[in-house]
Amino acid sequence: MDGRGQVTARLVAVALLGLLLLDPPILGIFREPRLWGGLPALPLYLFLAWGAVIALVAAVLRRGGD
């Protein structure tokens, strides 16, 4: 696979991971009102999952086809 194809495959994998992290059954785990470090669990999870997906996309694009 050429460099561009590898980047595309990695971005597709990151997108699928993002969909999995935001899937309703996974989000259902955080339905109960709990606090993590004084913050509500669901918004904290959503923010961290979203940030992780963005960081992974940045890492894939920065690395390129190496």
C-alpha atoms as a PDB file:
ATOM      1  CA  MET A   1       0.000   0.000   0.000  1.00  0.00           C
ATOM      2  CA  ASP A   2       1.322   3.436  -0.859  1.00  0.00           C
ATOM      3  CA  GLY A   3       1.665   6.259   1.665  1.00  0.00           C
ATOM      4  CA  ARG A   4      -1.633   7.880   0.775  1.00  0.00           C
ATOM      5  CA  GLY A   5      -3.477   4.577   1.090  1.00  0.00           C
ATOM      6  CA  GLN A   6      -1.985   3.977   4.538  1.00  0.00           C
ATOM      7  CA  VAL A   7      -3.090   7.396   5.734  1.00  0.00           C
ATOM      8  CA  THR A   8      -6.588   6.786   4.396  1.00  0.00           C
ATOM      9  CA  ALA A   9      -6.796   3.396   6.106  1.00  0.00           C
ATOM     10  CA  ARG A  10      -5.617   4.874   9.406  1.00  0.00           C
ATOM     11  CA  LEU A  11      -8.121   7.717   9.189  1.00  0.00           C
ATOM     12  CA  VAL A  12     -10.921   5.229   8.517  1.00  0.00           C
ATOM     13  CA  ALA A  13      -9.810   3.241  11.576  1.00  0.00           C
ATOM     14  CA  VAL A  14      -9.833   6.400  13.714  1.00  0.00           C
ATOM     15  CA  ALA A  15     -13.315   7.287  12.424  1.00  0.00           C
ATOM     16  CA  LEU A  16     -14.583   3.806  13.322  1.00  0.00           C
ATOM     17  CA  LEU A  17     -13.036   4.125  16.775  1.00  0.00           C
ATOM     18  CA  GLY A  18     -14.781   7.477  17.180  1.00  0.00           C
ATOM     19  CA  LEU A  19     -18.100   5.921  16.222  1.00  0.00           C
ATOM     20  CA  LEU A  20     -17.526   3.114  18.694  1.00  0.00           C
ATOM     21  CA  LEU A  21     -16.663   5.542  21.509  1.00  0.00           C
ATOM     22  CA  LEU A  22     -19.842   7.539  20.849  1.00  0.00           C
ATOM     23  CA  ASP A  23     -22.099   4.513  20.396  1.00  0.00           C
ATOM     24  CA  PRO A  24     -25.261   4.637  22.559  1.00  0.00           C
ATOM     25  CA  PRO A  25     -24.503   1.400  24.470  1.00  0.00           C
ATOM     26  CA  ILE A  26     -21.127   2.819  25.500  1.00  0.00           C
ATOM     27  CA  LEU A  27     -22.699   6.166  26.427  1.00  0.00           C
ATOM     28  CA  GLY A  28     -25.292   4.282  28.471  1.00  0.00           C
ATOM     29  CA  ILE A  29     -22.553   3.361  30.922  1.00  0.00           C
ATOM     30  CA  PHE A  30     -22.392   7.029  31.907  1.00  0.00           C
ATOM     31  CA  ARG A  31     -26.173   7.571  32.199  1.00  0.00           C
ATOM     32  CA  GLU A  32     -26.126   7.451  35.981  1.00  0.00           C
ATOM     33  CA  PRO A  33     -25.237  10.797  37.564  1.00  0.00           C
ATOM     34  CA  ARG A  34     -21.725  10.199  38.888  1.00  0.00           C
ATOM     35  CA  LEU A  35     -18.858  12.550  39.518  1.00  0.00           C
ATOM     36  CA  TRP A  36     -15.269  11.949  38.445  1.00  0.00           C
ATOM     37  CA  GLY A  37     -13.005  14.391  40.176  1.00  0.00           C
ATOM     38  CA  GLY A  38     -15.963  16.653  40.879  1.00  0.00           C
ATOM     39  CA  LEU A  39     -17.114  16.695  37.235  1.00  0.00           C
ATOM     40  CA  PRO A  40     -20.156  14.898  35.779  1.00  0.00           C
ATOM     41  CA  ALA A  41     -19.109  11.624  34.144  1.00  0.00           C
ATOM     42  CA  LEU A  42     -20.942  11.880  30.790  1.00  0.00           C
ATOM     43  CA  PRO A  43     -19.724  15.332  29.696  1.00  0.00           C
ATOM     44  CA  LEU A  44     -16.224  14.482  30.891  1.00  0.00           C
ATOM     45  CA  TYR A  45     -16.228  11.209  28.913  1.00  0.00           C
ATOM     46  CA  LEU A  46     -17.551  12.940  25.788  1.00  0.00           C
ATOM     47  CA  PHE A  47     -14.902  15.656  26.010  1.00  0.00           C
ATOM     48  CA  LEU A  48     -12.078  13.143  26.546  1.00  0.00           C
ATOM     49  CA  ALA A  49     -13.274  10.806  23.759  1.00  0.00           C
ATOM     50  CA  TRP A  50     -13.640  13.730  21.349  1.00  0.00           C
ATOM     51  CA  GLY A  51     -10.188  15.022  22.285  1.00  0.00           C
ATOM     52  CA  ALA A  52      -8.641  11.580  21.837  1.00  0.00           C
ATOM     53  CA  VAL A  53     -10.119  11.229  18.341  1.00  0.00           C
ATOM     54  CA  ILE A  54      -8.818  14.677  17.381  1.00  0.00           C
ATOM     55  CA  ALA A  55      -5.357  13.830  18.755  1.00  0.00           C
ATOM     56  CA  LEU A  56      -5.298  10.546  16.813  1.00  0.00           C
ATOM     57  CA  VAL A  57      -6.304  12.287  13.569  1.00  0.00           C
ATOM     58  CA  ALA A  58      -3.556  14.864  14.122  1.00  0.00           C
ATOM     59  CA  ALA A  59      -0.999  12.118  14.795  1.00  0.00           C
ATOM     60  CA  VAL A  60      -2.011  10.209  11.640  1.00  0.00           C
ATOM     61  CA  LEU A  61      -1.853  13.319   9.480  1.00  0.00           C
ATOM     62  CA  ARG A  62       1.443  14.481  10.990  1.00  0.00           C
ATOM     63  CA  ARG A  63       3.055  11.077  10.489  1.00  0.00           C
ATOM     64  CA  GLY A  64       1.788  10.869   6.927  1.00  0.00           C
ATOM     65  CA  GLY A  65       2.711   7.824   4.877  1.00  0.00           C
ATOM     66  CA  ASP A  66       5.954   7.002   6.706  1.00  0.00           C
END
